[in-house]
Amino acid sequence: MFGTGVHLSHFAAMVTFALCVSVAFACLGRQTLAGRIKYALLSLALFLVIGVGLAWLMYPFSK
C-alpha cells in the first residue's frame, strides 16, 4: 500500500535492535562519554553473543 518497505534478515534485525538498546542503556546508565562508549560496546557484544548462542542452541529443534 505504501510502497516497498525495508526487508531485514533476522541477523540484521538483531544487530539493529542490539545497537539501539545498547546506546540507550549507555546514555541512561553512565555519566561520562568514555563510560558510555565502553558500556555500549560491552552490552552490544553481549547482546550479539547471547543472541547467536541462543540461535545456535535452538537450531536442532527447527528441523
N, C-alpha and C. Protein backbone atom coordinates (compact mmCIF):
# COMPACT_ATOMS: atom_id res chain seq x y z
N MET A 1 0.81 -1.19 0.00
CA MET A 1 0.00 0.00 0.00
C MET A 1 0.86 1.26 0.00
N PHE A 2 1.93 1.26 0.78
CA PHE A 2 2.79 2.43 0.88
C PHE A 2 4.10 2.26 0.13
N GLY A 3 4.19 1.29 -0.75
CA GLY A 3 5.43 1.08 -1.48
C GLY A 3 6.26 -0.01 -0.84
N THR A 4 7.48 -0.11 -1.28
CA THR A 4 8.35 -1.16 -0.75
C THR A 4 8.90 -0.77 0.60
N GLY A 5 8.95 -1.72 1.48
CA GLY A 5 9.50 -1.49 2.81
C GLY A 5 10.90 -2.00 2.92
N VAL A 6 11.47 -1.83 4.06
CA VAL A 6 12.82 -2.33 4.32
C VAL A 6 12.71 -3.79 4.74
N HIS A 7 13.46 -4.65 4.08
CA HIS A 7 13.45 -6.07 4.41
C HIS A 7 14.79 -6.44 5.01
N LEU A 8 14.78 -6.74 6.30
CA LEU A 8 16.00 -7.10 7.01
C LEU A 8 16.01 -8.61 7.27
N SER A 9 17.20 -9.17 7.26
CA SER A 9 17.33 -10.55 7.70
C SER A 9 17.18 -10.59 9.22
N HIS A 10 17.03 -11.78 9.74
CA HIS A 10 16.91 -11.90 11.20
C HIS A 10 18.17 -11.38 11.90
N PHE A 11 19.32 -11.67 11.32
CA PHE A 11 20.57 -11.22 11.94
C PHE A 11 20.68 -9.69 11.89
N ALA A 12 20.33 -9.09 10.78
CA ALA A 12 20.39 -7.62 10.66
C ALA A 12 19.41 -6.96 11.62
N ALA A 13 18.24 -7.55 11.79
CA ALA A 13 17.27 -7.01 12.74
C ALA A 13 17.79 -7.12 14.17
N MET A 14 18.45 -8.24 14.48
CA MET A 14 19.01 -8.42 15.82
C MET A 14 20.13 -7.42 16.09
N VAL A 15 20.99 -7.19 15.10
CA VAL A 15 22.09 -6.24 15.27
C VAL A 15 21.54 -4.82 15.44
N THR A 16 20.54 -4.46 14.65
CA THR A 16 19.93 -3.13 14.75
C THR A 16 19.30 -2.93 16.13
N PHE A 17 18.55 -3.92 16.58
CA PHE A 17 17.93 -3.84 17.90
C PHE A 17 18.99 -3.75 19.00
N ALA A 18 20.02 -4.59 18.92
CA ALA A 18 21.07 -4.59 19.94
C ALA A 18 21.80 -3.26 19.97
N LEU A 19 22.05 -2.68 18.81
CA LEU A 19 22.74 -1.39 18.76
C LEU A 19 21.90 -0.29 19.39
N CYS A 20 20.62 -0.24 19.05
CA CYS A 20 19.74 0.80 19.61
C CYS A 20 19.60 0.67 21.13
N VAL A 21 19.40 -0.54 21.60
CA VAL A 21 19.23 -0.75 23.03
C VAL A 21 20.54 -0.49 23.78
N SER A 22 21.65 -0.88 23.21
CA SER A 22 22.95 -0.66 23.86
C SER A 22 23.24 0.83 24.00
N VAL A 23 22.97 1.59 22.96
CA VAL A 23 23.19 3.05 23.03
C VAL A 23 22.25 3.68 24.06
N ALA A 24 21.00 3.25 24.08
CA ALA A 24 20.06 3.79 25.06
C ALA A 24 20.49 3.46 26.49
N PHE A 25 20.87 2.21 26.74
CA PHE A 25 21.33 1.83 28.07
C PHE A 25 22.57 2.62 28.48
N ALA A 26 23.49 2.82 27.53
CA ALA A 26 24.71 3.55 27.84
C ALA A 26 24.42 5.00 28.18
N CYS A 27 23.52 5.62 27.43
CA CYS A 27 23.18 7.03 27.70
C CYS A 27 22.45 7.19 29.03
N LEU A 28 21.64 6.22 29.37
CA LEU A 28 20.90 6.31 30.62
C LEU A 28 21.70 5.87 31.84
N GLY A 29 22.70 5.01 31.62
CA GLY A 29 23.36 4.40 32.76
C GLY A 29 24.71 4.95 33.13
N ARG A 30 25.34 5.71 32.27
CA ARG A 30 26.69 6.21 32.55
C ARG A 30 26.74 7.73 32.41
N GLN A 31 27.65 8.36 33.12
CA GLN A 31 27.75 9.81 33.14
C GLN A 31 28.78 10.35 32.16
N THR A 32 29.92 9.69 32.04
CA THR A 32 30.99 10.21 31.20
C THR A 32 30.91 9.59 29.80
N LEU A 33 31.49 10.29 28.82
CA LEU A 33 31.49 9.80 27.45
C LEU A 33 32.28 8.50 27.33
N ALA A 34 33.41 8.43 28.00
CA ALA A 34 34.22 7.21 27.95
C ALA A 34 33.46 6.04 28.57
N GLY A 35 32.78 6.28 29.67
CA GLY A 35 31.99 5.23 30.30
C GLY A 35 30.83 4.78 29.42
N ARG A 36 30.21 5.73 28.73
CA ARG A 36 29.10 5.40 27.84
C ARG A 36 29.57 4.55 26.67
N ILE A 37 30.70 4.91 26.08
CA ILE A 37 31.21 4.16 24.94
C ILE A 37 31.58 2.75 25.36
N LYS A 38 32.28 2.64 26.48
CA LYS A 38 32.69 1.32 26.97
C LYS A 38 31.48 0.45 27.30
N TYR A 39 30.49 1.02 27.94
CA TYR A 39 29.29 0.26 28.32
C TYR A 39 28.49 -0.13 27.08
N ALA A 40 28.38 0.77 26.10
CA ALA A 40 27.64 0.47 24.87
C ALA A 40 28.31 -0.67 24.10
N LEU A 41 29.62 -0.63 23.99
CA LEU A 41 30.32 -1.70 23.27
C LEU A 41 30.21 -3.03 23.99
N LEU A 42 30.33 -3.00 25.31
CA LEU A 42 30.21 -4.23 26.09
C LEU A 42 28.81 -4.81 25.98
N SER A 43 27.79 -3.99 26.14
CA SER A 43 26.43 -4.51 26.07
C SER A 43 26.08 -4.96 24.65
N LEU A 44 26.58 -4.26 23.62
CA LEU A 44 26.36 -4.70 22.24
C LEU A 44 26.97 -6.07 22.01
N ALA A 45 28.20 -6.25 22.47
CA ALA A 45 28.86 -7.55 22.30
C ALA A 45 28.10 -8.65 23.04
N LEU A 46 27.64 -8.37 24.24
CA LEU A 46 26.89 -9.37 25.00
C LEU A 46 25.56 -9.70 24.34
N PHE A 47 24.85 -8.69 23.84
CA PHE A 47 23.60 -8.94 23.13
C PHE A 47 23.83 -9.87 21.95
N LEU A 48 24.87 -9.59 21.16
CA LEU A 48 25.13 -10.38 19.96
C LEU A 48 25.59 -11.79 20.30
N VAL A 49 26.48 -11.93 21.26
CA VAL A 49 26.97 -13.27 21.64
C VAL A 49 25.83 -14.12 22.20
N ILE A 50 25.02 -13.54 23.06
CA ILE A 50 23.91 -14.29 23.64
C ILE A 50 22.86 -14.62 22.58
N GLY A 51 22.57 -13.68 21.69
CA GLY A 51 21.59 -13.93 20.63
C GLY A 51 22.03 -15.03 19.68
N VAL A 52 23.28 -14.98 19.24
CA VAL A 52 23.79 -16.02 18.34
C VAL A 52 23.89 -17.35 19.09
N GLY A 53 24.28 -17.31 20.35
CA GLY A 53 24.34 -18.54 21.14
C GLY A 53 22.98 -19.20 21.31
N LEU A 54 21.96 -18.40 21.60
CA LEU A 54 20.61 -18.97 21.72
C LEU A 54 20.12 -19.51 20.39
N ALA A 55 20.41 -18.82 19.31
CA ALA A 55 20.00 -19.30 17.98
C ALA A 55 20.70 -20.63 17.67
N TRP A 56 21.96 -20.73 18.02
CA TRP A 56 22.71 -21.97 17.78
C TRP A 56 22.13 -23.12 18.61
N LEU A 57 21.74 -22.83 19.85
CA LEU A 57 21.15 -23.87 20.69
C LEU A 57 19.77 -24.31 20.20
N MET A 58 19.00 -23.39 19.61
CA MET A 58 17.66 -23.73 19.14
C MET A 58 17.64 -24.33 17.74
N TYR A 59 18.74 -24.25 17.01
CA TYR A 59 18.79 -24.72 15.63
C TYR A 59 18.37 -26.18 15.46
N PRO A 60 18.81 -27.11 16.32
CA PRO A 60 18.41 -28.51 16.12
C PRO A 60 16.89 -28.72 16.21
N PHE A 61 16.18 -27.87 16.92
CA PHE A 61 14.74 -28.04 17.08
C PHE A 61 13.95 -27.53 15.88
N SER A 62 14.61 -26.84 14.95
CA SER A 62 13.90 -26.30 13.79
C SER A 62 13.75 -27.33 12.68
N LYS A 63 14.39 -28.44 12.81
CA LYS A 63 14.32 -29.47 11.75
C LYS A 63 13.28 -30.50 12.04
